[in-house]
């Protein structure tokens, strides 16, 4: 009987492997990759996993250990009049839109409002905002904290710039305890490698 159970377990694992393999794509260390079919390219300093899932037309999500433990999100060429992520319901839960007149200093507020609505987060606060250089342009860097649906406090950091009228932003967040500090350096290497092709 135990042999039968073991054989069934192996069969089940083998049957699930193709679908598990389709769940993400490896982004290899040292290999430049285009983000969301845009001119934005990055060269990861270590291997990351690109998660499947239609977050948005110009949005891509990577992780090291799973989205709940470390979430790296790229917003690659958001057009004026469009939200950062795909709207679930334009009538019931409309998302804020990036506008042609949006200023750099308004980007943290746009990000916060998007997270509050899209992720249904009540407790979100921007903790710091600083000017920076990003993608060869004047940009903004901001840090934030929020409490997610699992009641975990998460810390995050994002770098953004407006290039040729479109928004480019890379954000990283992870649980405040352990994972954020462990992987913030990996995020900074991604940001430093970001280029427009």
C-alpha atoms as a PDB file:
ATOM      1  CA  UNK A   1       0.000   0.000   0.000  1.00  0.00           C
ATOM      2  CA  UNK A   2       2.813   2.421   0.855  1.00  0.00           C
ATOM      3  CA  UNK A   3       4.426   1.746  -2.532  1.00  0.00           C
ATOM      4  CA  UNK A   4       1.160   2.631  -4.245  1.00  0.00           C
ATOM      5  CA  UNK A   5       0.905   5.889  -2.279  1.00  0.00           C
ATOM      6  CA  UNK A   6       4.532   6.749  -3.105  1.00  0.00           C
ATOM      7  CA  UNK A   7       3.955   6.014  -6.804  1.00  0.00           C
ATOM      8  CA  UNK A   8       0.834   8.196  -6.825  1.00  0.00           C
ATOM      9  CA  UNK A   9       2.733  11.011  -5.089  1.00  0.00           C
ATOM     10  CA  UNK A  10       5.543  10.867  -7.683  1.00  0.00           C
ATOM     11  CA  UNK A  11       2.993  10.832 -10.520  1.00  0.00           C
ATOM     12  CA  UNK A  12       1.237  13.857  -9.042  1.00  0.00           C
ATOM     13  CA  UNK A  13       4.513  15.777  -8.663  1.00  0.00           C
ATOM     14  CA  UNK A  14       5.568  14.997 -12.243  1.00  0.00           C
ATOM     15  CA  UNK A  15       2.124  16.022 -13.528  1.00  0.00           C
ATOM     16  CA  UNK A  16       2.391  19.363 -11.716  1.00  0.00           C
ATOM     17  CA  UNK A  17       5.944  20.169 -12.859  1.00  0.00           C
ATOM     18  CA  UNK A  18       5.043  21.635 -16.270  1.00  0.00           C
ATOM     19  CA  UNK A  19       2.453  23.985 -14.761  1.00  0.00           C
ATOM     20  CA  UNK A  20       4.843  24.962 -11.959  1.00  0.00           C
ATOM     21  CA  UNK A  21       7.569  25.643 -14.519  1.00  0.00           C
ATOM     22  CA  UNK A  22       5.153  27.910 -16.409  1.00  0.00           C
ATOM     23  CA  UNK A  23       4.469  29.926 -13.243  1.00  0.00           C
ATOM     24  CA  UNK A  24       7.574  32.043 -13.662  1.00  0.00           C
ATOM     25  CA  UNK A  25      10.551  32.734 -15.892  1.00  0.00           C
ATOM     26  CA  UNK A  26      14.104  32.920 -14.688  1.00  0.00           C
ATOM     27  CA  UNK A  27      15.861  36.263 -15.059  1.00  0.00           C
ATOM     28  CA  UNK A  28      19.508  35.323 -14.954  1.00  0.00           C
ATOM     29  CA  UNK A  29      22.279  37.138 -13.138  1.00  0.00           C
ATOM     30  CA  UNK A  30      24.313  39.362 -15.447  1.00  0.00           C
ATOM     31  CA  UNK A  31      21.940  39.064 -18.433  1.00  0.00           C
ATOM     32  CA  UNK A  32      20.273  42.309 -19.577  1.00  0.00           C
ATOM     33  CA  UNK A  33      16.529  41.962 -20.107  1.00  0.00           C
ATOM     34  CA  UNK A  34      13.825  44.234 -21.525  1.00  0.00           C
ATOM     35  CA  UNK A  35      10.948  44.968 -19.151  1.00  0.00           C
ATOM     36  CA  UNK A  36       7.327  44.566 -20.321  1.00  0.00           C
ATOM     37  CA  UNK A  37       8.261  44.999 -24.003  1.00  0.00           C
ATOM     38  CA  UNK A  38       9.467  48.546 -23.319  1.00  0.00           C
ATOM     39  CA  UNK A  39      12.770  50.407 -23.857  1.00  0.00           C
ATOM     40  CA  UNK A  40      13.564  49.847 -20.149  1.00  0.00           C
ATOM     41  CA  UNK A  41      16.269  47.241 -19.569  1.00  0.00           C
ATOM     42  CA  UNK A  42      17.855  46.000 -16.366  1.00  0.00           C
ATOM     43  CA  UNK A  43      20.699  43.609 -15.603  1.00  0.00           C
ATOM     44  CA  UNK A  44      20.037  41.642 -12.410  1.00  0.00           C
ATOM     45  CA  UNK A  45      22.921  41.149  -9.989  1.00  0.00           C
ATOM     46  CA  UNK A  46      21.518  37.726  -9.077  1.00  0.00           C
ATOM     47  CA  UNK A  47      18.872  35.354 -10.406  1.00  0.00           C
ATOM     48  CA  UNK A  48      15.257  36.528 -10.015  1.00  0.00           C
ATOM     49  CA  UNK A  49      11.953  34.927 -10.997  1.00  0.00           C
ATOM     50  CA  UNK A  50       9.543  36.834 -13.219  1.00  0.00           C
ATOM     51  CA  UNK A  51       6.006  36.028 -12.106  1.00  0.00           C
ATOM     52  CA  UNK A  52       3.296  35.353 -14.637  1.00  0.00           C
ATOM     53  CA  UNK A  53       0.064  37.192 -14.213  1.00  0.00           C
ATOM     54  CA  UNK A  54      -1.479  40.101 -15.999  1.00  0.00           C
ATOM     55  CA  UNK A  55      -0.847  42.914 -13.516  1.00  0.00           C
ATOM     56  CA  UNK A  56      -0.957  45.502 -16.274  1.00  0.00           C
ATOM     57  CA  UNK A  57       0.078  46.100 -19.869  1.00  0.00           C
ATOM     58  CA  UNK A  58       3.277  47.918 -18.871  1.00  0.00           C
ATOM     59  CA  UNK A  59       3.855  46.211 -15.538  1.00  0.00           C
ATOM     60  CA  UNK A  60       6.058  43.264 -14.600  1.00  0.00           C
ATOM     61  CA  UNK A  61       6.677  41.599 -11.229  1.00  0.00           C
ATOM     62  CA  UNK A  62       9.758  39.689 -10.056  1.00  0.00           C
ATOM     63  CA  UNK A  63      10.546  37.889  -6.823  1.00  0.00           C
ATOM     64  CA  UNK A  64      13.323  35.925  -5.147  1.00  0.00           C
ATOM     65  CA  UNK A  65      11.330  33.840  -2.663  1.00  0.00           C
ATOM     66  CA  UNK A  66       7.680  34.527  -3.534  1.00  0.00           C
ATOM     67  CA  UNK A  67       5.624  37.704  -3.810  1.00  0.00           C
ATOM     68  CA  UNK A  68       4.752  37.755  -0.118  1.00  0.00           C
ATOM     69  CA  UNK A  69       8.439  37.709   0.860  1.00  0.00           C
ATOM     70  CA  UNK A  70       9.963  40.059  -1.725  1.00  0.00           C
ATOM     71  CA  UNK A  71       8.114  41.875  -4.496  1.00  0.00           C
ATOM     72  CA  UNK A  72       9.941  43.805  -7.220  1.00  0.00           C
ATOM     73  CA  UNK A  73       7.544  45.630  -9.543  1.00  0.00           C
ATOM     74  CA  UNK A  74       8.400  47.481 -12.737  1.00  0.00           C
ATOM     75  CA  UNK A  75       6.131  50.134 -14.246  1.00  0.00           C
ATOM     76  CA  UNK A  76       7.619  50.486 -17.713  1.00  0.00           C
ATOM     77  CA  UNK A  77       6.234  53.310 -19.785  1.00  0.00           C
ATOM     78  CA  UNK A  78       2.854  54.092 -18.240  1.00  0.00           C
ATOM     79  CA  UNK A  79       1.045  56.390 -20.658  1.00  0.00           C
ATOM     80  CA  UNK A  80      -0.847  59.531 -19.610  1.00  0.00           C
ATOM     81  CA  UNK A  81      -4.442  58.740 -18.747  1.00  0.00           C
ATOM     82  CA  UNK A  82      -3.632  55.179 -17.660  1.00  0.00           C
ATOM     83  CA  UNK A  83      -3.451  53.587 -14.196  1.00  0.00           C
ATOM     84  CA  UNK A  84      -0.291  51.881 -12.920  1.00  0.00           C
ATOM     85  CA  UNK A  85      -1.970  48.460 -12.877  1.00  0.00           C
ATOM     86  CA  UNK A  86      -4.986  46.855 -14.516  1.00  0.00           C
ATOM     87  CA  UNK A  87      -8.299  47.945 -13.006  1.00  0.00           C
ATOM     88  CA  UNK A  88     -10.535  45.215 -11.575  1.00  0.00           C
ATOM     89  CA  UNK A  89     -13.635  47.382 -11.874  1.00  0.00           C
ATOM     90  CA  UNK A  90     -13.526  50.815 -13.481  1.00  0.00           C
ATOM     91  CA  UNK A  91     -16.942  51.674 -12.006  1.00  0.00           C
ATOM     92  CA  UNK A  92     -16.687  50.301  -8.452  1.00  0.00           C
ATOM     93  CA  UNK A  93     -12.928  50.585  -7.814  1.00  0.00           C
ATOM     94  CA  UNK A  94     -11.458  53.143 -10.233  1.00  0.00           C
ATOM     95  CA  UNK A  95      -7.709  53.572  -9.948  1.00  0.00           C
ATOM     96  CA  UNK A  96      -5.902  56.910 -10.073  1.00  0.00           C
ATOM     97  CA  UNK A  97      -4.341  57.694 -13.410  1.00  0.00           C
ATOM     98  CA  UNK A  98      -0.917  58.976 -14.392  1.00  0.00           C
ATOM     99  CA  UNK A  99      -1.515  62.287 -16.156  1.00  0.00           C
ATOM    100  CA  UNK A 100       0.376  64.338 -18.703  1.00  0.00           C
ATOM    101  CA  UNK A 101       0.688  67.069 -16.070  1.00  0.00           C
ATOM    102  CA  UNK A 102       1.712  64.779 -13.193  1.00  0.00           C
ATOM    103  CA  UNK A 103       4.798  66.145 -11.404  1.00  0.00           C
ATOM    104  CA  UNK A 104       7.623  64.074  -9.915  1.00  0.00           C
ATOM    105  CA  UNK A 105       6.617  65.135  -6.410  1.00  0.00           C
ATOM    106  CA  UNK A 106       3.116  63.728  -7.043  1.00  0.00           C
ATOM    107  CA  UNK A 107       4.334  60.229  -7.930  1.00  0.00           C
ATOM    108  CA  UNK A 108       4.496  58.937  -4.323  1.00  0.00           C
ATOM    109  CA  UNK A 109       0.854  59.995  -3.868  1.00  0.00           C
ATOM    110  CA  UNK A 110      -0.130  58.241  -7.129  1.00  0.00           C
ATOM    111  CA  UNK A 111       1.680  55.097  -5.952  1.00  0.00           C
ATOM    112  CA  UNK A 112       0.030  55.223  -2.522  1.00  0.00           C
ATOM    113  CA  UNK A 113      -3.470  55.747  -3.927  1.00  0.00           C
ATOM    114  CA  UNK A 114      -2.934  52.852  -6.349  1.00  0.00           C
ATOM    115  CA  UNK A 115      -1.817  50.492  -3.567  1.00  0.00           C
ATOM    116  CA  UNK A 116      -4.672  51.547  -1.280  1.00  0.00           C
ATOM    117  CA  UNK A 117      -7.259  50.750  -3.967  1.00  0.00           C
ATOM    118  CA  UNK A 118      -5.709  47.834  -5.885  1.00  0.00           C
ATOM    119  CA  UNK A 119      -4.444  45.958  -2.815  1.00  0.00           C
ATOM    120  CA  UNK A 120      -7.237  47.189  -0.522  1.00  0.00           C
ATOM    121  CA  UNK A 121      -4.778  48.583   2.015  1.00  0.00           C
ATOM    122  CA  UNK A 122      -5.991  51.008   4.649  1.00  0.00           C
ATOM    123  CA  UNK A 123      -2.726  51.541   6.537  1.00  0.00           C
ATOM    124  CA  UNK A 124      -0.166  52.980   4.066  1.00  0.00           C
ATOM    125  CA  UNK A 125       2.248  55.844   4.608  1.00  0.00           C
ATOM    126  CA  UNK A 126       5.054  57.390   2.598  1.00  0.00           C
ATOM    127  CA  UNK A 127       7.997  57.766   5.004  1.00  0.00           C
ATOM    128  CA  UNK A 128      10.491  59.770   2.911  1.00  0.00           C
ATOM    129  CA  UNK A 129      10.718  61.503  -0.475  1.00  0.00           C
ATOM    130  CA  UNK A 130      14.014  62.595  -2.069  1.00  0.00           C
ATOM    131  CA  UNK A 131      15.084  63.888  -5.487  1.00  0.00           C
ATOM    132  CA  UNK A 132      17.328  61.484  -7.377  1.00  0.00           C
ATOM    133  CA  UNK A 133      18.681  60.670 -10.815  1.00  0.00           C
ATOM    134  CA  UNK A 134      17.000  57.726 -12.512  1.00  0.00           C
ATOM    135  CA  UNK A 135      17.335  56.599 -16.135  1.00  0.00           C
ATOM    136  CA  UNK A 136      19.518  59.635 -16.809  1.00  0.00           C
ATOM    137  CA  UNK A 137      16.689  61.985 -15.793  1.00  0.00           C
ATOM    138  CA  UNK A 138      15.671  63.983 -12.766  1.00  0.00           C
ATOM    139  CA  UNK A 139      13.596  61.591 -10.710  1.00  0.00           C
ATOM    140  CA  UNK A 140      12.198  60.859  -7.299  1.00  0.00           C
ATOM    141  CA  UNK A 141      12.986  58.207  -4.703  1.00  0.00           C
ATOM    142  CA  UNK A 142      10.536  57.461  -1.919  1.00  0.00           C
ATOM    143  CA  UNK A 143      10.175  54.970   0.893  1.00  0.00           C
ATOM    144  CA  UNK A 144       6.949  53.667   2.353  1.00  0.00           C
ATOM    145  CA  UNK A 145       5.387  51.246   4.828  1.00  0.00           C
ATOM    146  CA  UNK A 146       2.041  49.489   4.833  1.00  0.00           C
ATOM    147  CA  UNK A 147       0.190  46.700   6.578  1.00  0.00           C
ATOM    148  CA  UNK A 148      -0.973  44.023   4.151  1.00  0.00           C
ATOM    149  CA  UNK A 149      -3.995  41.710   4.255  1.00  0.00           C
ATOM    150  CA  UNK A 150      -1.992  39.217   6.367  1.00  0.00           C
ATOM    151  CA  UNK A 151      -1.365  41.955   8.968  1.00  0.00           C
ATOM    152  CA  UNK A 152       2.349  41.983   8.088  1.00  0.00           C
ATOM    153  CA  UNK A 153       4.101  45.342   8.123  1.00  0.00           C
ATOM    154  CA  UNK A 154       5.964  45.762   4.848  1.00  0.00           C
ATOM    155  CA  UNK A 155       8.653  48.296   3.954  1.00  0.00           C
ATOM    156  CA  UNK A 156       9.232  49.535   0.459  1.00  0.00           C
ATOM    157  CA  UNK A 157      11.287  51.814  -1.747  1.00  0.00           C
ATOM    158  CA  UNK A 158      10.633  53.101  -5.261  1.00  0.00           C
ATOM    159  CA  UNK A 159      12.589  55.073  -7.871  1.00  0.00           C
ATOM    160  CA  UNK A 160      10.740  56.889 -10.644  1.00  0.00           C
ATOM    161  CA  UNK A 161      11.239  59.265 -13.561  1.00  0.00           C
ATOM    162  CA  UNK A 162       9.166  60.598 -16.426  1.00  0.00           C
ATOM    163  CA  UNK A 163      10.840  59.920 -19.784  1.00  0.00           C
ATOM    164  CA  UNK A 164       9.350  61.232 -23.040  1.00  0.00           C
ATOM    165  CA  UNK A 165       6.023  61.788 -21.270  1.00  0.00           C
ATOM    166  CA  UNK A 166       5.775  58.250 -19.861  1.00  0.00           C
ATOM    167  CA  UNK A 167       6.245  57.035 -16.309  1.00  0.00           C
ATOM    168  CA  UNK A 168       9.019  54.583 -15.481  1.00  0.00           C
ATOM    169  CA  UNK A 169       9.199  53.315 -11.912  1.00  0.00           C
ATOM    170  CA  UNK A 170      10.719  50.385 -10.045  1.00  0.00           C
ATOM    171  CA  UNK A 171       9.410  49.524  -6.592  1.00  0.00           C
ATOM    172  CA  UNK A 172      10.454  46.917  -4.049  1.00  0.00           C
ATOM    173  CA  UNK A 173       8.709  45.851  -0.895  1.00  0.00           C
ATOM    174  CA  UNK A 174       9.086  43.040   1.615  1.00  0.00           C
ATOM    175  CA  UNK A 175       8.185  42.246   5.225  1.00  0.00           C
ATOM    176  CA  UNK A 176       9.886  44.773   7.506  1.00  0.00           C
ATOM    177  CA  UNK A 177      11.366  42.003   9.619  1.00  0.00           C
ATOM    178  CA  UNK A 178      14.318  40.309   7.907  1.00  0.00           C
ATOM    179  CA  UNK A 179      13.367  40.232   4.203  1.00  0.00           C
ATOM    180  CA  UNK A 180      13.458  43.956   3.442  1.00  0.00           C
ATOM    181  CA  UNK A 181      16.958  44.483   4.846  1.00  0.00           C
ATOM    182  CA  UNK A 182      18.149  41.171   3.406  1.00  0.00           C
ATOM    183  CA  UNK A 183      17.202  42.096  -0.182  1.00  0.00           C
ATOM    184  CA  UNK A 184      17.286  45.903  -0.414  1.00  0.00           C
ATOM    185  CA  UNK A 185      20.834  45.717  -1.797  1.00  0.00           C
ATOM    186  CA  UNK A 186      19.622  43.409  -4.603  1.00  0.00           C
ATOM    187  CA  UNK A 187      16.953  45.999  -5.439  1.00  0.00           C
ATOM    188  CA  UNK A 188      19.518  48.811  -5.507  1.00  0.00           C
ATOM    189  CA  UNK A 189      21.640  46.830  -7.984  1.00  0.00           C
ATOM    190  CA  UNK A 190      18.585  46.497 -10.268  1.00  0.00           C
ATOM    191  CA  UNK A 191      17.920  50.256 -10.049  1.00  0.00           C
ATOM    192  CA  UNK A 192      21.564  51.103 -10.783  1.00  0.00           C
ATOM    193  CA  UNK A 193      21.535  48.816 -13.832  1.00  0.00           C
ATOM    194  CA  UNK A 194      18.359  50.361 -15.322  1.00  0.00           C
ATOM    195  CA  UNK A 195      18.826  51.823 -18.805  1.00  0.00           C
ATOM    196  CA  UNK A 196      16.701  53.062 -21.689  1.00  0.00           C
ATOM    197  CA  UNK A 197      17.580  51.188 -24.895  1.00  0.00           C
END
